[in-house]
Amino acid sequence: MNAPTETFTIDAKGQRLGRVASSIAALLMGKHQTNVARHKLAGVAVTVKNASKLLIDERKLTTKEYQRYSGYPGGLRTLSMEKLVEQKGYAEVLRKAVYGMLPGNRLRAQRMKSLTIEE
């Protein structure tokens, strides 16, 4: 991976989770550039500050669930957003939101590497 040519810093204090995540995803895909190409890395690094001060409703904390499946019968595991925040913090919630908004191609992992989140 080449070194990023552009660096963006986003202050997440007082902003909604989905709005911040969608703007981060758009930056990582290079949608702000005039020469946007889905098959190439944009060369953008994004740093997010104050992730723990995101605005998340209490109802979303309790009702939003993340699922993963082991591949075995009865292996579906669910984790609420509240438990995820307790275990890994708000940075992981934001990371999962951005990951879900990026296209699921081979570049997704490389784009996620250029995202740094600070609590």
N, C-alpha and C. Protein backbone atom coordinates (compact mmCIF):
# COMPACT_ATOMS: atom_id res chain seq x y z
N MET A 1 0.84 -1.19 0.00
CA MET A 1 0.00 0.00 0.00
C MET A 1 0.87 1.24 0.00
N ASN A 2 0.51 2.20 -0.79
CA ASN A 2 1.25 3.44 -0.87
C ASN A 2 0.93 4.32 0.32
N ALA A 3 1.82 5.25 0.58
CA ALA A 3 1.58 6.20 1.67
C ALA A 3 0.43 7.12 1.30
N PRO A 4 -0.42 7.45 2.27
CA PRO A 4 -1.56 8.32 1.94
C PRO A 4 -1.10 9.71 1.56
N THR A 5 -1.76 10.27 0.55
CA THR A 5 -1.42 11.61 0.09
C THR A 5 -2.23 12.67 0.80
N GLU A 6 -3.43 12.31 1.27
CA GLU A 6 -4.30 13.25 1.98
C GLU A 6 -4.60 12.70 3.36
N THR A 7 -4.68 13.60 4.33
CA THR A 7 -5.03 13.20 5.69
C THR A 7 -6.18 14.07 6.17
N PHE A 8 -7.21 13.42 6.67
CA PHE A 8 -8.38 14.12 7.20
C PHE A 8 -8.53 13.80 8.68
N THR A 9 -8.92 14.79 9.46
CA THR A 9 -9.21 14.60 10.88
C THR A 9 -10.66 14.98 11.12
N ILE A 10 -11.41 14.07 11.73
CA ILE A 10 -12.82 14.28 11.99
C ILE A 10 -13.04 14.28 13.49
N ASP A 11 -13.72 15.31 13.98
CA ASP A 11 -14.09 15.38 15.39
C ASP A 11 -15.51 14.85 15.52
N ALA A 12 -15.68 13.72 16.20
CA ALA A 12 -16.98 13.06 16.30
C ALA A 12 -17.80 13.55 17.49
N LYS A 13 -17.32 14.53 18.20
CA LYS A 13 -18.02 14.99 19.40
C LYS A 13 -19.38 15.58 19.05
N GLY A 14 -20.44 15.01 19.64
CA GLY A 14 -21.78 15.52 19.45
C GLY A 14 -22.42 15.19 18.12
N GLN A 15 -21.83 14.28 17.33
CA GLN A 15 -22.39 13.91 16.04
C GLN A 15 -22.99 12.51 16.11
N ARG A 16 -23.91 12.22 15.20
CA ARG A 16 -24.57 10.92 15.15
C ARG A 16 -23.63 9.88 14.54
N LEU A 17 -23.77 8.66 15.00
CA LEU A 17 -22.91 7.57 14.56
C LEU A 17 -22.98 7.34 13.06
N GLY A 18 -24.16 7.23 12.51
CA GLY A 18 -24.32 6.94 11.09
C GLY A 18 -23.81 8.04 10.19
N ARG A 19 -24.02 9.27 10.60
CA ARG A 19 -23.56 10.40 9.78
C ARG A 19 -22.05 10.45 9.72
N VAL A 20 -21.41 10.21 10.87
CA VAL A 20 -19.94 10.22 10.89
C VAL A 20 -19.41 9.05 10.07
N ALA A 21 -20.02 7.88 10.24
CA ALA A 21 -19.53 6.69 9.54
C ALA A 21 -19.68 6.83 8.03
N SER A 22 -20.78 7.41 7.56
CA SER A 22 -20.96 7.55 6.12
C SER A 22 -19.98 8.56 5.53
N SER A 23 -19.68 9.62 6.27
CA SER A 23 -18.71 10.59 5.75
C SER A 23 -17.30 10.00 5.73
N ILE A 24 -16.98 9.17 6.73
CA ILE A 24 -15.68 8.50 6.74
C ILE A 24 -15.58 7.54 5.56
N ALA A 25 -16.63 6.75 5.33
CA ALA A 25 -16.62 5.79 4.23
C ALA A 25 -16.46 6.49 2.89
N ALA A 26 -17.14 7.62 2.72
CA ALA A 26 -17.02 8.36 1.46
C ALA A 26 -15.61 8.88 1.26
N LEU A 27 -14.97 9.34 2.35
CA LEU A 27 -13.59 9.81 2.24
C LEU A 27 -12.65 8.66 1.89
N LEU A 28 -12.83 7.50 2.55
CA LEU A 28 -11.95 6.36 2.30
C LEU A 28 -12.08 5.84 0.87
N MET A 29 -13.27 5.97 0.29
CA MET A 29 -13.47 5.53 -1.09
C MET A 29 -12.97 6.57 -2.09
N GLY A 30 -12.71 7.78 -1.63
CA GLY A 30 -12.20 8.82 -2.53
C GLY A 30 -13.29 9.54 -3.27
N LYS A 31 -14.50 9.58 -2.74
CA LYS A 31 -15.62 10.21 -3.44
C LYS A 31 -15.46 11.73 -3.52
N HIS A 32 -14.58 12.30 -2.72
CA HIS A 32 -14.36 13.74 -2.74
C HIS A 32 -13.39 14.15 -3.85
N GLN A 33 -12.73 13.18 -4.45
CA GLN A 33 -11.75 13.48 -5.48
C GLN A 33 -12.41 13.53 -6.85
N THR A 34 -11.78 14.23 -7.77
CA THR A 34 -12.33 14.31 -9.11
C THR A 34 -12.01 13.07 -9.93
N ASN A 35 -10.98 12.35 -9.59
CA ASN A 35 -10.58 11.16 -10.33
C ASN A 35 -10.92 9.89 -9.55
N VAL A 36 -12.15 9.80 -9.04
CA VAL A 36 -12.56 8.67 -8.24
C VAL A 36 -12.64 7.41 -9.10
N ALA A 37 -12.09 6.30 -8.57
CA ALA A 37 -12.13 5.01 -9.26
C ALA A 37 -12.37 3.93 -8.21
N ARG A 38 -13.41 3.11 -8.42
CA ARG A 38 -13.78 2.10 -7.43
C ARG A 38 -12.73 1.01 -7.29
N HIS A 39 -11.91 0.81 -8.31
CA HIS A 39 -10.96 -0.29 -8.30
C HIS A 39 -9.57 0.13 -7.79
N LYS A 40 -9.43 1.38 -7.33
CA LYS A 40 -8.14 1.86 -6.84
C LYS A 40 -8.29 2.47 -5.46
N LEU A 41 -7.20 2.42 -4.71
CA LEU A 41 -7.19 3.08 -3.40
C LEU A 41 -7.12 4.59 -3.59
N ALA A 42 -7.77 5.30 -2.72
CA ALA A 42 -7.84 6.75 -2.87
C ALA A 42 -6.59 7.44 -2.33
N GLY A 43 -5.81 6.76 -1.51
CA GLY A 43 -4.63 7.40 -0.92
C GLY A 43 -5.01 8.39 0.16
N VAL A 44 -6.01 8.04 0.96
CA VAL A 44 -6.55 8.92 1.99
C VAL A 44 -6.39 8.25 3.34
N ALA A 45 -5.97 9.03 4.34
CA ALA A 45 -5.92 8.56 5.72
C ALA A 45 -6.91 9.39 6.53
N VAL A 46 -7.72 8.72 7.34
CA VAL A 46 -8.73 9.40 8.15
C VAL A 46 -8.46 9.11 9.61
N THR A 47 -8.42 10.17 10.42
CA THR A 47 -8.28 10.04 11.86
C THR A 47 -9.54 10.60 12.51
N VAL A 48 -10.12 9.84 13.42
CA VAL A 48 -11.33 10.25 14.11
C VAL A 48 -10.99 10.49 15.58
N LYS A 49 -11.36 11.65 16.07
CA LYS A 49 -11.12 11.97 17.48
C LYS A 49 -12.44 12.01 18.22
N ASN A 50 -12.40 11.81 19.53
CA ASN A 50 -13.57 11.86 20.43
C ASN A 50 -14.65 10.86 20.03
N ALA A 51 -14.26 9.63 19.73
CA ALA A 51 -15.24 8.61 19.36
C ALA A 51 -16.16 8.27 20.53
N SER A 52 -15.69 8.43 21.73
CA SER A 52 -16.52 8.11 22.90
C SER A 52 -17.59 9.16 23.15
N LYS A 53 -17.53 10.29 22.44
CA LYS A 53 -18.51 11.35 22.63
C LYS A 53 -19.52 11.41 21.49
N LEU A 54 -19.66 10.30 20.76
CA LEU A 54 -20.67 10.20 19.71
C LEU A 54 -22.06 10.21 20.33
N LEU A 55 -23.03 10.73 19.60
CA LEU A 55 -24.42 10.70 20.06
C LEU A 55 -25.05 9.39 19.61
N ILE A 56 -25.36 8.53 20.58
CA ILE A 56 -26.03 7.27 20.30
C ILE A 56 -27.20 7.16 21.27
N ASP A 57 -28.40 6.92 20.73
CA ASP A 57 -29.59 6.81 21.56
C ASP A 57 -29.49 5.61 22.51
N GLU A 58 -30.13 5.73 23.65
CA GLU A 58 -30.16 4.63 24.62
C GLU A 58 -30.86 3.41 24.02
N ARG A 59 -31.92 3.66 23.24
CA ARG A 59 -32.66 2.56 22.65
C ARG A 59 -31.78 1.80 21.65
N LYS A 60 -30.97 2.52 20.88
CA LYS A 60 -30.08 1.86 19.93
C LYS A 60 -29.03 1.04 20.65
N LEU A 61 -28.53 1.55 21.79
CA LEU A 61 -27.53 0.80 22.55
C LEU A 61 -28.06 -0.55 22.99
N THR A 62 -29.32 -0.61 23.35
CA THR A 62 -29.86 -1.87 23.86
C THR A 62 -30.42 -2.77 22.76
N THR A 63 -30.96 -2.20 21.69
CA THR A 63 -31.63 -3.04 20.69
C THR A 63 -30.74 -3.44 19.51
N LYS A 64 -29.74 -2.64 19.16
CA LYS A 64 -28.86 -2.97 18.03
C LYS A 64 -28.03 -4.18 18.40
N GLU A 65 -28.04 -5.19 17.51
CA GLU A 65 -27.28 -6.41 17.77
C GLU A 65 -26.36 -6.71 16.60
N TYR A 66 -25.18 -7.20 16.94
CA TYR A 66 -24.20 -7.64 15.95
C TYR A 66 -24.20 -9.16 15.99
N GLN A 67 -24.23 -9.79 14.80
CA GLN A 67 -24.28 -11.24 14.73
C GLN A 67 -23.05 -11.77 14.04
N ARG A 68 -22.64 -12.94 14.49
CA ARG A 68 -21.59 -13.67 13.78
C ARG A 68 -21.93 -15.15 13.86
N TYR A 69 -21.48 -15.90 12.89
CA TYR A 69 -21.84 -17.30 12.79
C TYR A 69 -20.58 -18.12 12.65
N SER A 70 -20.46 -19.16 13.48
CA SER A 70 -19.26 -19.98 13.50
C SER A 70 -19.21 -20.96 12.34
N GLY A 71 -20.36 -21.25 11.74
CA GLY A 71 -20.41 -22.23 10.67
C GLY A 71 -20.93 -23.57 11.14
N TYR A 72 -21.10 -23.74 12.43
CA TYR A 72 -21.61 -24.97 13.00
C TYR A 72 -23.08 -24.79 13.38
N PRO A 73 -23.83 -25.87 13.44
CA PRO A 73 -25.23 -25.76 13.87
C PRO A 73 -25.33 -25.19 15.28
N GLY A 74 -26.19 -24.20 15.44
CA GLY A 74 -26.33 -23.56 16.75
C GLY A 74 -25.21 -22.58 17.05
N GLY A 75 -24.44 -22.20 16.04
CA GLY A 75 -23.27 -21.35 16.25
C GLY A 75 -23.51 -19.88 16.00
N LEU A 76 -24.77 -19.43 15.98
CA LEU A 76 -25.06 -18.02 15.78
C LEU A 76 -24.90 -17.29 17.10
N ARG A 77 -24.01 -16.31 17.12
CA ARG A 77 -23.75 -15.55 18.34
C ARG A 77 -24.17 -14.11 18.12
N THR A 78 -24.88 -13.55 19.08
CA THR A 78 -25.29 -12.15 18.99
C THR A 78 -24.69 -11.39 20.15
N LEU A 79 -24.42 -10.12 19.88
CA LEU A 79 -23.82 -9.23 20.86
C LEU A 79 -24.50 -7.88 20.72
N SER A 80 -25.04 -7.34 21.81
CA SER A 80 -25.69 -6.04 21.72
C SER A 80 -24.64 -4.93 21.66
N MET A 81 -25.06 -3.77 21.18
CA MET A 81 -24.13 -2.65 21.09
C MET A 81 -23.64 -2.24 22.47
N GLU A 82 -24.50 -2.37 23.46
CA GLU A 82 -24.14 -2.02 24.83
C GLU A 82 -22.99 -2.88 25.33
N LYS A 83 -23.06 -4.20 25.07
CA LYS A 83 -22.00 -5.12 25.49
C LYS A 83 -20.72 -4.86 24.70
N LEU A 84 -20.87 -4.54 23.42
CA LEU A 84 -19.69 -4.25 22.60
C LEU A 84 -18.95 -3.02 23.11
N VAL A 85 -19.72 -2.00 23.52
CA VAL A 85 -19.10 -0.78 24.07
C VAL A 85 -18.38 -1.11 25.37
N GLU A 86 -18.99 -1.96 26.21
CA GLU A 86 -18.34 -2.35 27.46
C GLU A 86 -17.04 -3.10 27.21
N GLN A 87 -17.07 -4.01 26.22
CA GLN A 87 -15.90 -4.85 25.98
C GLN A 87 -14.80 -4.15 25.20
N LYS A 88 -15.18 -3.44 24.12
CA LYS A 88 -14.16 -2.90 23.22
C LYS A 88 -14.21 -1.40 23.03
N GLY A 89 -15.25 -0.74 23.52
CA GLY A 89 -15.31 0.71 23.43
C GLY A 89 -16.05 1.20 22.20
N TYR A 90 -16.25 2.51 22.17
CA TYR A 90 -16.98 3.14 21.08
C TYR A 90 -16.22 3.09 19.76
N ALA A 91 -14.91 2.94 19.83
CA ALA A 91 -14.11 2.88 18.60
C ALA A 91 -14.50 1.66 17.77
N GLU A 92 -14.78 0.55 18.41
CA GLU A 92 -15.15 -0.66 17.69
C GLU A 92 -16.53 -0.51 17.04
N VAL A 93 -17.44 0.17 17.71
CA VAL A 93 -18.77 0.42 17.14
C VAL A 93 -18.65 1.26 15.87
N LEU A 94 -17.84 2.30 15.92
CA LEU A 94 -17.63 3.14 14.74
C LEU A 94 -16.92 2.37 13.64
N ARG A 95 -15.95 1.54 14.02
CA ARG A 95 -15.22 0.75 13.04
C ARG A 95 -16.16 -0.22 12.31
N LYS A 96 -17.06 -0.86 13.03
CA LYS A 96 -18.01 -1.78 12.41
C LYS A 96 -18.99 -1.03 11.50
N ALA A 97 -19.38 0.16 11.89
CA ALA A 97 -20.30 0.95 11.07
C ALA A 97 -19.63 1.35 9.75
N VAL A 98 -18.39 1.79 9.81
CA VAL A 98 -17.67 2.18 8.59
C VAL A 98 -17.42 0.96 7.71
N TYR A 99 -17.07 -0.16 8.33
CA TYR A 99 -16.80 -1.40 7.59
C TYR A 99 -18.03 -1.83 6.80
N GLY A 100 -19.21 -1.68 7.39
CA GLY A 100 -20.42 -2.06 6.71
C GLY A 100 -20.81 -1.12 5.59
N MET A 101 -20.29 0.10 5.60
CA MET A 101 -20.62 1.07 4.56
C MET A 101 -19.65 1.06 3.38
N LEU A 102 -18.56 0.35 3.52
CA LEU A 102 -17.62 0.24 2.41
C LEU A 102 -18.03 -0.92 1.51
N PRO A 103 -17.76 -0.83 0.22
CA PRO A 103 -18.11 -1.94 -0.67
C PRO A 103 -17.30 -3.19 -0.32
N GLY A 104 -17.96 -4.33 -0.45
CA GLY A 104 -17.31 -5.58 -0.04
C GLY A 104 -16.42 -6.17 -1.11
N ASN A 105 -15.43 -5.44 -1.53
CA ASN A 105 -14.49 -5.96 -2.51
C ASN A 105 -13.11 -6.16 -1.86
N ARG A 106 -12.12 -6.43 -2.65
CA ARG A 106 -10.79 -6.75 -2.11
C ARG A 106 -10.10 -5.54 -1.47
N LEU A 107 -10.58 -4.35 -1.77
CA LEU A 107 -9.94 -3.15 -1.23
C LEU A 107 -10.45 -2.78 0.16
N ARG A 108 -11.52 -3.43 0.64
CA ARG A 108 -12.11 -3.02 1.91
C ARG A 108 -11.11 -3.11 3.06
N ALA A 109 -10.37 -4.19 3.15
CA ALA A 109 -9.40 -4.35 4.24
C ALA A 109 -8.31 -3.29 4.17
N GLN A 110 -7.86 -2.97 2.97
CA GLN A 110 -6.81 -1.96 2.81
C GLN A 110 -7.33 -0.58 3.16
N ARG A 111 -8.59 -0.30 2.81
CA ARG A 111 -9.17 0.99 3.17
C ARG A 111 -9.33 1.12 4.68
N MET A 112 -9.71 0.04 5.34
CA MET A 112 -9.89 0.07 6.79
C MET A 112 -8.56 0.28 7.51
N LYS A 113 -7.47 -0.12 6.91
CA LYS A 113 -6.16 0.08 7.53
C LYS A 113 -5.78 1.56 7.61
N SER A 114 -6.35 2.37 6.74
CA SER A 114 -6.01 3.79 6.75
C SER A 114 -6.96 4.59 7.63
N LEU A 115 -7.74 3.90 8.46
CA LEU A 115 -8.64 4.56 9.42
C LEU A 115 -8.10 4.37 10.82
N THR A 116 -7.89 5.47 11.54
CA THR A 116 -7.49 5.39 12.94
C THR A 116 -8.53 6.11 13.78
N ILE A 117 -8.92 5.45 14.87
CA ILE A 117 -9.97 5.99 15.73
C ILE A 117 -9.42 6.15 17.13
N GLU A 118 -9.60 7.35 17.68
CA GLU A 118 -9.15 7.64 19.04
C GLU A 118 -10.36 7.87 19.91
N GLU A 119 -10.35 7.25 21.08
CA GLU A 119 -11.47 7.45 22.02
C GLU A 119 -11.40 8.86 22.52
